[in-house]
Amino acid sequence: MYSVKADDWKLKGTTTLAMKCVDGVIMATDTRATMLPGFVAHKKVKKVYHITRNIGMTMAGVPAEALTILDVLKANASLYSLQRKREIPVKSVASIAATMLFSQRYYPYAIQIIVGGYDPEGFHLYSLDPYGSTIEDEVIATGSGSPVAYGVLESGYNKQLTLKEGLVLAANAIRSAMKRNVYTGDSFDIATITQDKGYVELTEQEKKNLLEKP
């Protein structure tokens, strides 16, 4: 008789990360989409998204479920800006996402997300699990490649890191995960969020330049 092992139900795939720098927030992800038990479904999938000018989000897990939350966050952020004539705080966006995830706790979304950006109180990063538990941190990594990414991030991160230095560290962390985790690979995307320019995604040439730096 066929039996299902616990390991068969473990979600595998993706490496996403984010970090706070003195002058901005960095978000980075790989671009490989996999289907269990290890089929590469697509090599160029977007996993980092713009919510508002001051806030972005990364996703790990089932894309359709993450995009559903993204649409709701975008709509609520737009309504907040229209009604209050100012940008929505990062914590408010994370709270909306947490409420949505918790409301589905009996049939949870198979996702992990990172919400980050800036508001009048400064730069913020929040990690959310499938049940809506929210943790604010300075460095966050999710997905099956996160243990490798954390190893690189923890060895090179400090609270005085500039955006320029952080971009190189983020690229190296994603690249290391791509080398050591079969569910992470192909390419990577990086976005920065600053008070001057808001949410900006790096071009292909800019990403290539990061990999050429030691």
N, C-alpha and C. Protein backbone atom coordinates (compact mmCIF):
# COMPACT_ATOMS: atom_id res chain seq x y z
N MET A 1 0.85 -1.21 0.00
CA MET A 1 0.00 0.00 0.00
C MET A 1 0.87 1.25 0.00
N TYR A 2 0.48 2.21 -0.78
CA TYR A 2 1.27 3.44 -0.88
C TYR A 2 1.13 4.27 0.38
N SER A 3 2.23 4.74 0.90
CA SER A 3 2.21 5.59 2.09
C SER A 3 2.93 6.89 1.80
N VAL A 4 2.47 7.96 2.42
CA VAL A 4 3.06 9.28 2.24
C VAL A 4 3.89 9.63 3.45
N LYS A 5 5.13 9.96 3.22
CA LYS A 5 6.03 10.35 4.31
C LYS A 5 5.89 11.84 4.59
N ALA A 6 6.26 12.22 5.79
CA ALA A 6 6.16 13.64 6.17
C ALA A 6 7.02 14.51 5.27
N ASP A 7 8.18 14.00 4.87
CA ASP A 7 9.08 14.78 4.03
C ASP A 7 8.47 15.11 2.67
N ASP A 8 7.52 14.26 2.23
CA ASP A 8 6.89 14.49 0.93
C ASP A 8 6.05 15.76 0.93
N TRP A 9 5.63 16.22 2.11
CA TRP A 9 4.77 17.38 2.21
C TRP A 9 5.54 18.67 2.51
N LYS A 10 6.83 18.55 2.69
CA LYS A 10 7.62 19.74 2.95
C LYS A 10 7.74 20.57 1.68
N LEU A 11 7.53 21.86 1.82
CA LEU A 11 7.64 22.75 0.68
C LEU A 11 9.10 23.06 0.41
N LYS A 12 9.48 22.93 -0.83
CA LYS A 12 10.86 23.20 -1.20
C LYS A 12 10.86 24.17 -2.38
N GLY A 13 11.80 25.10 -2.34
CA GLY A 13 11.92 26.01 -3.47
C GLY A 13 12.16 27.43 -3.05
N THR A 14 12.94 28.14 -3.87
CA THR A 14 13.11 29.58 -3.75
C THR A 14 14.11 30.00 -2.67
N THR A 15 14.76 31.11 -2.95
CA THR A 15 15.50 31.84 -1.92
C THR A 15 15.15 33.31 -2.07
N THR A 16 14.63 33.90 -1.03
CA THR A 16 14.37 35.34 -1.01
C THR A 16 15.04 35.92 0.23
N LEU A 17 15.47 37.17 0.13
CA LEU A 17 16.11 37.81 1.27
C LEU A 17 15.89 39.31 1.24
N ALA A 18 16.08 39.91 2.39
CA ALA A 18 15.98 41.37 2.50
C ALA A 18 16.85 41.83 3.65
N MET A 19 17.32 43.06 3.55
CA MET A 19 18.14 43.62 4.62
C MET A 19 17.97 45.13 4.71
N LYS A 20 18.14 45.64 5.94
CA LYS A 20 18.12 47.07 6.17
C LYS A 20 19.53 47.62 6.09
N CYS A 21 19.68 48.73 5.40
CA CYS A 21 20.95 49.45 5.35
C CYS A 21 20.74 50.84 5.92
N VAL A 22 21.79 51.58 6.12
CA VAL A 22 21.66 52.91 6.72
C VAL A 22 20.90 53.86 5.80
N ASP A 23 20.92 53.59 4.49
CA ASP A 23 20.28 54.50 3.53
C ASP A 23 19.23 53.84 2.66
N GLY A 24 18.73 52.68 3.07
CA GLY A 24 17.68 52.04 2.28
C GLY A 24 17.45 50.59 2.65
N VAL A 25 16.55 49.97 1.92
CA VAL A 25 16.20 48.56 2.10
C VAL A 25 16.51 47.82 0.79
N ILE A 26 17.04 46.61 0.92
CA ILE A 26 17.36 45.78 -0.25
C ILE A 26 16.52 44.52 -0.19
N MET A 27 15.94 44.14 -1.33
CA MET A 27 15.22 42.88 -1.46
C MET A 27 15.77 42.12 -2.65
N ALA A 28 16.02 40.82 -2.48
CA ALA A 28 16.60 40.02 -3.57
C ALA A 28 15.96 38.64 -3.59
N THR A 29 15.80 38.09 -4.78
CA THR A 29 15.23 36.74 -4.93
C THR A 29 15.88 36.04 -6.11
N ASP A 30 15.79 34.71 -6.12
CA ASP A 30 16.17 33.98 -7.32
C ASP A 30 14.98 33.99 -8.28
N THR A 31 15.10 33.33 -9.42
CA THR A 31 14.02 33.37 -10.42
C THR A 31 13.52 32.00 -10.84
N ARG A 32 13.95 30.94 -10.16
CA ARG A 32 13.55 29.58 -10.55
C ARG A 32 12.21 29.19 -9.90
N ALA A 33 11.32 28.62 -10.72
CA ALA A 33 10.06 28.08 -10.21
C ALA A 33 10.11 26.56 -10.34
N THR A 34 9.84 25.85 -9.25
CA THR A 34 9.91 24.39 -9.26
C THR A 34 8.58 23.78 -8.87
N MET A 35 8.38 22.55 -9.32
CA MET A 35 7.23 21.74 -8.91
C MET A 35 7.77 20.46 -8.31
N LEU A 36 7.19 20.04 -7.18
CA LEU A 36 7.65 18.82 -6.54
C LEU A 36 7.49 17.63 -7.48
N PRO A 37 8.44 16.68 -7.46
CA PRO A 37 9.54 16.54 -6.51
C PRO A 37 10.84 17.21 -6.93
N GLY A 38 10.84 18.07 -7.93
CA GLY A 38 12.07 18.74 -8.31
C GLY A 38 12.10 19.20 -9.76
N PHE A 39 10.95 19.25 -10.39
CA PHE A 39 10.86 19.67 -11.79
C PHE A 39 10.98 21.19 -11.88
N VAL A 40 11.85 21.67 -12.75
CA VAL A 40 12.00 23.12 -12.96
C VAL A 40 10.91 23.57 -13.92
N ALA A 41 9.90 24.25 -13.39
CA ALA A 41 8.76 24.65 -14.20
C ALA A 41 9.05 25.89 -15.04
N HIS A 42 9.87 26.79 -14.51
CA HIS A 42 10.20 28.01 -15.24
C HIS A 42 11.51 28.57 -14.70
N LYS A 43 12.27 29.24 -15.57
CA LYS A 43 13.57 29.76 -15.17
C LYS A 43 13.57 31.27 -14.90
N LYS A 44 12.48 31.94 -15.22
CA LYS A 44 12.46 33.39 -15.06
C LYS A 44 11.13 33.82 -14.46
N VAL A 45 11.00 33.65 -13.15
CA VAL A 45 9.78 34.01 -12.44
C VAL A 45 10.05 35.18 -11.51
N LYS A 46 9.18 36.14 -11.54
CA LYS A 46 9.35 37.33 -10.70
C LYS A 46 8.85 37.03 -9.29
N LYS A 47 9.68 37.34 -8.28
CA LYS A 47 9.32 37.05 -6.89
C LYS A 47 9.47 38.27 -5.98
N VAL A 48 9.85 39.41 -6.53
CA VAL A 48 9.92 40.64 -5.75
C VAL A 48 9.03 41.67 -6.44
N TYR A 49 8.17 42.33 -5.66
CA TYR A 49 7.15 43.19 -6.24
C TYR A 49 7.04 44.53 -5.51
N HIS A 50 6.59 45.52 -6.27
CA HIS A 50 6.30 46.86 -5.79
C HIS A 50 4.88 46.88 -5.22
N ILE A 51 4.71 47.38 -4.01
CA ILE A 51 3.38 47.59 -3.44
C ILE A 51 3.00 49.06 -3.57
N THR A 52 3.84 49.93 -3.03
CA THR A 52 3.70 51.37 -3.22
C THR A 52 5.11 51.92 -3.44
N ARG A 53 5.20 53.23 -3.58
CA ARG A 53 6.52 53.85 -3.79
C ARG A 53 7.47 53.51 -2.65
N ASN A 54 6.94 53.40 -1.45
CA ASN A 54 7.80 53.23 -0.27
C ASN A 54 7.86 51.80 0.27
N ILE A 55 7.17 50.85 -0.37
CA ILE A 55 7.10 49.49 0.17
C ILE A 55 7.18 48.45 -0.94
N GLY A 56 7.92 47.37 -0.67
CA GLY A 56 8.00 46.24 -1.58
C GLY A 56 7.74 44.94 -0.85
N MET A 57 7.67 43.84 -1.62
CA MET A 57 7.37 42.54 -1.04
C MET A 57 8.06 41.44 -1.81
N THR A 58 8.57 40.43 -1.11
CA THR A 58 9.09 39.23 -1.76
C THR A 58 8.17 38.07 -1.42
N MET A 59 8.20 37.04 -2.26
CA MET A 59 7.34 35.88 -2.04
C MET A 59 8.09 34.58 -2.24
N ALA A 60 7.80 33.61 -1.37
CA ALA A 60 8.31 32.26 -1.51
C ALA A 60 7.14 31.32 -1.27
N GLY A 61 6.95 30.36 -2.17
CA GLY A 61 5.83 29.45 -2.04
C GLY A 61 4.97 29.43 -3.28
N VAL A 62 3.67 29.24 -3.11
CA VAL A 62 2.74 29.14 -4.24
C VAL A 62 2.47 30.54 -4.80
N PRO A 63 2.85 30.80 -6.05
CA PRO A 63 2.74 32.16 -6.61
C PRO A 63 1.32 32.72 -6.61
N ALA A 64 0.33 31.91 -6.98
CA ALA A 64 -1.04 32.41 -7.07
C ALA A 64 -1.53 32.94 -5.73
N GLU A 65 -1.20 32.25 -4.66
CA GLU A 65 -1.64 32.69 -3.33
C GLU A 65 -0.92 33.96 -2.90
N ALA A 66 0.36 34.05 -3.21
CA ALA A 66 1.12 35.26 -2.87
C ALA A 66 0.62 36.46 -3.66
N LEU A 67 0.29 36.24 -4.94
CA LEU A 67 -0.19 37.34 -5.77
C LEU A 67 -1.57 37.82 -5.33
N THR A 68 -2.37 36.92 -4.78
CA THR A 68 -3.66 37.32 -4.23
C THR A 68 -3.47 38.31 -3.08
N ILE A 69 -2.54 38.00 -2.20
CA ILE A 69 -2.24 38.91 -1.10
C ILE A 69 -1.66 40.21 -1.61
N LEU A 70 -0.77 40.13 -2.61
CA LEU A 70 -0.17 41.33 -3.18
C LEU A 70 -1.23 42.28 -3.72
N ASP A 71 -2.23 41.75 -4.43
CA ASP A 71 -3.30 42.59 -4.99
C ASP A 71 -4.08 43.31 -3.88
N VAL A 72 -4.36 42.60 -2.80
CA VAL A 72 -5.10 43.21 -1.69
C VAL A 72 -4.26 44.29 -1.01
N LEU A 73 -2.97 44.02 -0.85
CA LEU A 73 -2.08 45.01 -0.22
C LEU A 73 -1.98 46.27 -1.08
N LYS A 74 -1.87 46.09 -2.38
CA LYS A 74 -1.80 47.25 -3.28
C LYS A 74 -3.07 48.08 -3.20
N ALA A 75 -4.22 47.42 -3.20
CA ALA A 75 -5.49 48.14 -3.16
C ALA A 75 -5.65 48.91 -1.86
N ASN A 76 -5.32 48.28 -0.74
CA ASN A 76 -5.44 48.95 0.55
C ASN A 76 -4.45 50.10 0.70
N ALA A 77 -3.24 49.91 0.16
CA ALA A 77 -2.25 50.99 0.22
C ALA A 77 -2.69 52.19 -0.60
N SER A 78 -3.30 51.93 -1.75
CA SER A 78 -3.80 53.03 -2.60
C SER A 78 -4.94 53.76 -1.92
N LEU A 79 -5.86 53.02 -1.31
CA LEU A 79 -6.99 53.64 -0.60
C LEU A 79 -6.49 54.49 0.57
N TYR A 80 -5.51 53.99 1.29
CA TYR A 80 -4.93 54.72 2.42
C TYR A 80 -4.36 56.06 1.95
N SER A 81 -3.60 56.01 0.85
CA SER A 81 -2.97 57.23 0.32
C SER A 81 -4.01 58.23 -0.15
N LEU A 82 -5.08 57.75 -0.78
CA LEU A 82 -6.13 58.64 -1.27
C LEU A 82 -6.89 59.30 -0.12
N GLN A 83 -7.17 58.53 0.91
CA GLN A 83 -7.97 59.04 2.02
C GLN A 83 -7.17 59.92 2.97
N ARG A 84 -5.90 59.58 3.20
CA ARG A 84 -5.13 60.28 4.22
C ARG A 84 -4.05 61.20 3.65
N LYS A 85 -3.90 61.17 2.33
CA LYS A 85 -2.95 62.06 1.64
C LYS A 85 -1.51 61.87 2.10
N ARG A 86 -1.17 60.64 2.43
CA ARG A 86 0.21 60.31 2.79
C ARG A 86 0.46 58.83 2.55
N GLU A 87 1.73 58.45 2.55
CA GLU A 87 2.07 57.06 2.27
C GLU A 87 1.75 56.18 3.47
N ILE A 88 1.33 54.96 3.18
CA ILE A 88 0.95 54.03 4.23
C ILE A 88 2.19 53.54 4.97
N PRO A 89 2.14 53.42 6.30
CA PRO A 89 3.29 52.88 7.05
C PRO A 89 3.55 51.42 6.70
N VAL A 90 4.79 51.02 6.81
CA VAL A 90 5.17 49.64 6.49
C VAL A 90 4.46 48.66 7.43
N LYS A 91 4.37 49.00 8.71
CA LYS A 91 3.74 48.12 9.68
C LYS A 91 2.27 47.88 9.35
N SER A 92 1.60 48.88 8.80
CA SER A 92 0.19 48.73 8.45
C SER A 92 0.02 47.71 7.32
N VAL A 93 0.91 47.76 6.33
CA VAL A 93 0.85 46.80 5.23
C VAL A 93 1.11 45.39 5.75
N ALA A 94 2.11 45.25 6.62
CA ALA A 94 2.41 43.94 7.21
C ALA A 94 1.24 43.43 8.03
N SER A 95 0.54 44.31 8.71
CA SER A 95 -0.61 43.91 9.53
C SER A 95 -1.77 43.41 8.67
N ILE A 96 -1.99 44.07 7.54
CA ILE A 96 -3.04 43.62 6.61
C ILE A 96 -2.71 42.23 6.09
N ALA A 97 -1.45 42.03 5.70
CA ALA A 97 -1.03 40.72 5.21
C ALA A 97 -1.18 39.66 6.30
N ALA A 98 -0.81 39.99 7.53
CA ALA A 98 -0.91 39.05 8.64
C ALA A 98 -2.37 38.67 8.90
N THR A 99 -3.27 39.64 8.81
CA THR A 99 -4.70 39.37 9.01
C THR A 99 -5.23 38.41 7.94
N MET A 100 -4.82 38.64 6.69
CA MET A 100 -5.24 37.75 5.61
C MET A 100 -4.74 36.33 5.82
N LEU A 101 -3.48 36.20 6.19
CA LEU A 101 -2.90 34.88 6.40
C LEU A 101 -3.56 34.17 7.58
N PHE A 102 -3.78 34.90 8.67
CA PHE A 102 -4.40 34.29 9.85
C PHE A 102 -5.83 33.86 9.57
N SER A 103 -6.55 34.62 8.73
CA SER A 103 -7.93 34.27 8.41
C SER A 103 -8.03 32.95 7.64
N GLN A 104 -6.92 32.54 7.02
CA GLN A 104 -6.88 31.28 6.28
C GLN A 104 -6.14 30.18 7.05
N ARG A 105 -6.05 30.32 8.38
CA ARG A 105 -5.21 29.42 9.17
C ARG A 105 -5.64 27.96 9.10
N TYR A 106 -6.93 27.71 8.86
CA TYR A 106 -7.38 26.31 8.78
C TYR A 106 -7.03 25.67 7.44
N TYR A 107 -6.90 26.50 6.41
CA TYR A 107 -6.42 26.06 5.10
C TYR A 107 -5.34 27.05 4.66
N PRO A 108 -4.20 27.02 5.33
CA PRO A 108 -3.21 28.11 5.17
C PRO A 108 -2.63 28.22 3.77
N TYR A 109 -2.33 29.46 3.40
CA TYR A 109 -1.59 29.72 2.17
C TYR A 109 -0.18 29.15 2.33
N ALA A 110 0.29 28.46 1.31
CA ALA A 110 1.63 27.86 1.37
C ALA A 110 2.67 28.87 0.90
N ILE A 111 2.85 29.92 1.70
CA ILE A 111 3.76 30.99 1.31
C ILE A 111 4.50 31.54 2.52
N GLN A 112 5.62 32.18 2.24
CA GLN A 112 6.32 33.05 3.18
C GLN A 112 6.56 34.35 2.44
N ILE A 113 6.32 35.46 3.09
CA ILE A 113 6.55 36.75 2.44
C ILE A 113 7.38 37.66 3.33
N ILE A 114 8.05 38.59 2.68
CA ILE A 114 8.78 39.66 3.37
C ILE A 114 8.19 40.98 2.90
N VAL A 115 7.82 41.83 3.83
CA VAL A 115 7.32 43.17 3.52
C VAL A 115 8.33 44.17 4.08
N GLY A 116 8.77 45.10 3.25
CA GLY A 116 9.78 46.07 3.72
C GLY A 116 9.68 47.40 3.01
N GLY A 117 10.25 48.41 3.64
CA GLY A 117 10.26 49.74 3.04
C GLY A 117 10.56 50.80 4.08
N TYR A 118 10.08 52.01 3.83
CA TYR A 118 10.34 53.11 4.76
C TYR A 118 9.05 53.88 5.03
N ASP A 119 9.04 54.58 6.14
CA ASP A 119 7.96 55.50 6.51
C ASP A 119 8.57 56.54 7.44
N PRO A 120 7.80 57.45 7.99
CA PRO A 120 8.39 58.49 8.86
C PRO A 120 9.19 57.95 10.05
N GLU A 121 8.95 56.71 10.45
CA GLU A 121 9.67 56.14 11.57
C GLU A 121 10.99 55.49 11.17
N GLY A 122 11.26 55.39 9.85
CA GLY A 122 12.51 54.81 9.39
C GLY A 122 12.29 53.63 8.46
N PHE A 123 13.32 52.80 8.31
CA PHE A 123 13.26 51.63 7.45
C PHE A 123 12.82 50.42 8.29
N HIS A 124 12.00 49.55 7.65
CA HIS A 124 11.46 48.40 8.37
C HIS A 124 11.42 47.17 7.46
N LEU A 125 11.58 45.99 8.09
CA LEU A 125 11.44 44.71 7.41
C LEU A 125 10.61 43.78 8.28
N TYR A 126 9.63 43.11 7.66
CA TYR A 126 8.79 42.16 8.39
C TYR A 126 8.74 40.84 7.64
N SER A 127 8.91 39.75 8.38
CA SER A 127 8.78 38.41 7.84
C SER A 127 7.46 37.82 8.31
N LEU A 128 6.69 37.22 7.38
CA LEU A 128 5.39 36.64 7.72
C LEU A 128 5.34 35.18 7.29
N ASP A 129 4.88 34.31 8.20
CA ASP A 129 4.77 32.89 7.87
C ASP A 129 3.34 32.59 7.41
N PRO A 130 3.03 31.35 7.02
CA PRO A 130 1.69 31.03 6.50
C PRO A 130 0.54 31.27 7.47
N TYR A 131 0.83 31.38 8.76
CA TYR A 131 -0.23 31.59 9.75
C TYR A 131 -0.36 33.05 10.18
N GLY A 132 0.42 33.92 9.56
CA GLY A 132 0.32 35.34 9.86
C GLY A 132 1.23 35.82 10.96
N SER A 133 2.04 34.95 11.53
CA SER A 133 3.01 35.40 12.54
C SER A 133 3.98 36.38 11.90
N THR A 134 4.20 37.50 12.57
CA THR A 134 5.00 38.58 12.00
C THR A 134 6.19 38.89 12.89
N ILE A 135 7.37 38.95 12.27
CA ILE A 135 8.59 39.28 13.00
C ILE A 135 9.31 40.41 12.28
N GLU A 136 9.65 41.46 13.01
CA GLU A 136 10.46 42.54 12.43
C GLU A 136 11.92 42.23 12.69
N ASP A 137 12.75 42.40 11.66
CA ASP A 137 14.16 42.08 11.78
C ASP A 137 14.96 42.97 10.84
N GLU A 138 16.28 42.90 10.96
CA GLU A 138 17.15 43.70 10.11
C GLU A 138 17.64 42.91 8.90
N VAL A 139 17.72 41.59 9.04
CA VAL A 139 18.11 40.69 7.95
C VAL A 139 17.15 39.51 7.95
N ILE A 140 16.57 39.22 6.77
CA ILE A 140 15.60 38.13 6.67
C ILE A 140 15.88 37.32 5.41
N ALA A 141 15.78 36.00 5.52
CA ALA A 141 15.86 35.12 4.34
C ALA A 141 14.78 34.07 4.47
N THR A 142 14.14 33.71 3.36
CA THR A 142 13.10 32.68 3.37
C THR A 142 13.34 31.71 2.22
N GLY A 143 12.64 30.59 2.27
CA GLY A 143 12.76 29.59 1.22
C GLY A 143 13.77 28.51 1.56
N SER A 144 13.83 27.50 0.70
CA SER A 144 14.68 26.35 0.98
C SER A 144 16.17 26.67 0.92
N GLY A 145 16.52 27.75 0.24
CA GLY A 145 17.93 28.15 0.18
C GLY A 145 18.32 29.13 1.28
N SER A 146 17.40 29.43 2.19
CA SER A 146 17.67 30.45 3.22
C SER A 146 18.81 30.08 4.17
N PRO A 147 19.00 28.80 4.54
CA PRO A 147 20.14 28.50 5.42
C PRO A 147 21.49 28.89 4.80
N VAL A 148 21.63 28.66 3.50
CA VAL A 148 22.87 29.06 2.82
C VAL A 148 22.96 30.58 2.75
N ALA A 149 21.85 31.23 2.41
CA ALA A 149 21.84 32.69 2.30
C ALA A 149 22.15 33.34 3.64
N TYR A 150 21.59 32.79 4.72
CA TYR A 150 21.85 33.33 6.05
C TYR A 150 23.34 33.24 6.41
N GLY A 151 23.98 32.16 5.99
CA GLY A 151 25.40 32.00 6.28
C GLY A 151 26.23 33.13 5.70
N VAL A 152 25.90 33.53 4.46
CA VAL A 152 26.61 34.63 3.80
C VAL A 152 26.22 35.97 4.43
N LEU A 153 24.94 36.16 4.67
CA LEU A 153 24.46 37.43 5.23
C LEU A 153 25.01 37.70 6.61
N GLU A 154 24.99 36.68 7.47
CA GLU A 154 25.45 36.87 8.84
C GLU A 154 26.95 37.16 8.91
N SER A 155 27.69 36.62 7.95
CA SER A 155 29.14 36.85 7.96
C SER A 155 29.53 38.23 7.45
N GLY A 156 28.64 38.86 6.67
CA GLY A 156 29.01 40.14 6.08
C GLY A 156 28.17 41.32 6.50
N TYR A 157 27.07 41.08 7.24
CA TYR A 157 26.16 42.18 7.57
C TYR A 157 26.55 42.89 8.85
N ASN A 158 26.35 44.20 8.86
CA ASN A 158 26.44 45.00 10.08
C ASN A 158 25.49 46.18 9.94
N LYS A 159 25.14 46.80 11.06
CA LYS A 159 24.11 47.84 11.06
C LYS A 159 24.54 49.12 10.34
N GLN A 160 25.82 49.26 10.07
CA GLN A 160 26.31 50.46 9.38
C GLN A 160 26.51 50.22 7.88
N LEU A 161 26.00 49.11 7.39
CA LEU A 161 26.16 48.75 5.97
C LEU A 161 25.44 49.76 5.08
N THR A 162 26.12 50.24 4.04
CA THR A 162 25.50 51.15 3.09
C THR A 162 24.77 50.35 2.01
N LEU A 163 23.93 51.03 1.26
CA LEU A 163 23.18 50.39 0.20
C LEU A 163 24.12 49.78 -0.84
N LYS A 164 25.16 50.50 -1.17
CA LYS A 164 26.13 50.03 -2.16
C LYS A 164 26.80 48.74 -1.69
N GLU A 165 27.19 48.68 -0.43
CA GLU A 165 27.81 47.48 0.13
C GLU A 165 26.79 46.34 0.25
N GLY A 166 25.58 46.70 0.64
CA GLY A 166 24.54 45.70 0.83
C GLY A 166 24.15 45.01 -0.46
N LEU A 167 24.17 45.72 -1.56
CA LEU A 167 23.81 45.13 -2.85
C LEU A 167 24.79 44.00 -3.21
N VAL A 168 26.05 44.23 -2.97
CA VAL A 168 27.06 43.19 -3.26
C VAL A 168 26.84 41.98 -2.35
N LEU A 169 26.56 42.24 -1.07
CA LEU A 169 26.32 41.15 -0.12
C LEU A 169 25.09 40.35 -0.51
N ALA A 170 24.01 41.04 -0.89
CA ALA A 170 22.78 40.36 -1.28
C ALA A 170 23.00 39.49 -2.51
N ALA A 171 23.72 40.01 -3.50
CA ALA A 171 24.00 39.25 -4.72
C ALA A 171 24.82 38.01 -4.41
N ASN A 172 25.80 38.13 -3.53
CA ASN A 172 26.63 36.99 -3.15
C ASN A 172 25.82 35.94 -2.38
N ALA A 173 24.88 36.40 -1.54
CA ALA A 173 24.05 35.46 -0.77
C ALA A 173 23.14 34.66 -1.70
N ILE A 174 22.53 35.33 -2.65
CA ILE A 174 21.66 34.63 -3.60
C ILE A 174 22.49 33.69 -4.47
N ARG A 175 23.64 34.13 -4.91
CA ARG A 175 24.49 33.30 -5.76
C ARG A 175 24.94 32.04 -5.00
N SER A 176 25.27 32.18 -3.73
CA SER A 176 25.67 31.03 -2.93
C SER A 176 24.52 30.03 -2.79
N ALA A 177 23.31 30.54 -2.58
CA ALA A 177 22.14 29.67 -2.48
C ALA A 177 21.89 28.94 -3.80
N MET A 178 22.12 29.61 -4.91
CA MET A 178 21.94 29.01 -6.22
C MET A 178 22.90 27.85 -6.44
N LYS A 179 24.09 27.95 -5.85
CA LYS A 179 25.10 26.91 -6.01
C LYS A 179 24.84 25.70 -5.13
N ARG A 180 24.18 25.92 -3.98
CA ARG A 180 24.04 24.86 -2.98
C ARG A 180 22.63 24.30 -2.84
N ASN A 181 21.64 24.95 -3.43
CA ASN A 181 20.25 24.52 -3.29
C ASN A 181 19.65 24.28 -4.66
N VAL A 182 19.24 23.05 -4.93
CA VAL A 182 18.76 22.69 -6.26
C VAL A 182 17.46 23.42 -6.63
N TYR A 183 16.70 23.86 -5.63
CA TYR A 183 15.44 24.54 -5.90
C TYR A 183 15.61 26.05 -6.08
N THR A 184 16.84 26.51 -6.02
CA THR A 184 17.15 27.92 -6.23
C THR A 184 18.07 28.03 -7.44
N GLY A 185 17.79 28.95 -8.35
CA GLY A 185 18.72 29.03 -9.47
C GLY A 185 18.33 29.94 -10.60
N ASP A 186 19.11 29.78 -11.70
CA ASP A 186 18.94 30.44 -12.99
C ASP A 186 19.36 31.90 -12.99
N SER A 187 18.69 32.76 -12.23
CA SER A 187 19.07 34.17 -12.21
C SER A 187 18.55 34.77 -10.90
N PHE A 188 18.67 36.09 -10.77
CA PHE A 188 18.17 36.74 -9.55
C PHE A 188 17.69 38.14 -9.87
N ASP A 189 16.79 38.63 -9.03
CA ASP A 189 16.27 40.00 -9.12
C ASP A 189 16.59 40.72 -7.82
N ILE A 190 16.90 42.00 -7.94
CA ILE A 190 17.18 42.83 -6.75
C ILE A 190 16.44 44.15 -6.88
N ALA A 191 15.83 44.59 -5.79
CA ALA A 191 15.17 45.89 -5.73
C ALA A 191 15.66 46.66 -4.52
N THR A 192 15.72 47.96 -4.64
CA THR A 192 16.08 48.83 -3.51
C THR A 192 14.92 49.77 -3.22
N ILE A 193 14.79 50.15 -1.97
CA ILE A 193 13.76 51.11 -1.56
C ILE A 193 14.43 52.20 -0.74
N THR A 194 14.43 53.40 -1.28
CA THR A 194 15.06 54.54 -0.61
C THR A 194 14.07 55.70 -0.54
N GLN A 195 14.35 56.65 0.34
CA GLN A 195 13.47 57.81 0.45
C GLN A 195 13.55 58.70 -0.79
N ASP A 196 14.70 58.76 -1.42
CA ASP A 196 14.88 59.62 -2.58
C ASP A 196 14.21 59.06 -3.83
N LYS A 197 14.42 57.77 -4.10
CA LYS A 197 13.95 57.18 -5.35
C LYS A 197 12.78 56.22 -5.18
N GLY A 198 12.47 55.84 -3.96
CA GLY A 198 11.40 54.88 -3.75
C GLY A 198 11.82 53.48 -4.17
N TYR A 199 10.85 52.71 -4.65
CA TYR A 199 11.09 51.32 -5.07
C TYR A 199 11.70 51.31 -6.47
N VAL A 200 12.88 50.71 -6.60
CA VAL A 200 13.57 50.63 -7.89
C VAL A 200 14.17 49.24 -8.07
N GLU A 201 13.93 48.62 -9.22
CA GLU A 201 14.52 47.32 -9.52
C GLU A 201 15.78 47.51 -10.37
N LEU A 202 16.82 46.76 -10.06
CA LEU A 202 18.08 46.88 -10.79
C LEU A 202 17.94 46.32 -12.20
N THR A 203 18.65 46.93 -13.13
CA THR A 203 18.66 46.45 -14.51
C THR A 203 19.56 45.22 -14.63
N GLU A 204 19.48 44.55 -15.78
CA GLU A 204 20.32 43.37 -16.00
C GLU A 204 21.81 43.73 -15.94
N GLN A 205 22.17 44.88 -16.48
CA GLN A 205 23.57 45.30 -16.47
C GLN A 205 24.03 45.60 -15.05
N GLU A 206 23.18 46.24 -14.26
CA GLU A 206 23.53 46.54 -12.88
C GLU A 206 23.73 45.26 -12.07
N LYS A 207 22.89 44.25 -12.32
CA LYS A 207 23.04 42.97 -11.61
C LYS A 207 24.32 42.27 -12.05
N LYS A 208 24.63 42.36 -13.31
CA LYS A 208 25.87 41.75 -13.81
C LYS A 208 27.08 42.40 -13.18
N ASN A 209 27.04 43.72 -13.03
CA ASN A 209 28.15 44.44 -12.42
C ASN A 209 28.38 44.01 -10.96
N LEU A 210 27.30 43.69 -10.23
CA LEU A 210 27.42 43.26 -8.84
C LEU A 210 28.18 41.96 -8.73
N LEU A 211 27.94 41.03 -9.67
CA LEU A 211 28.59 39.73 -9.62
C LEU A 211 30.08 39.80 -9.96
N GLU A 212 30.47 40.88 -10.61
CA GLU A 212 31.87 41.06 -10.98
C GLU A 212 32.70 41.63 -9.85
N LYS A 213 32.01 42.13 -8.80
CA LYS A 213 32.73 42.71 -7.66
C LYS A 213 33.14 41.60 -6.69
N PRO A 214 34.29 41.74 -6.06
CA PRO A 214 34.77 40.71 -5.12
C PRO A 214 33.90 40.63 -3.87
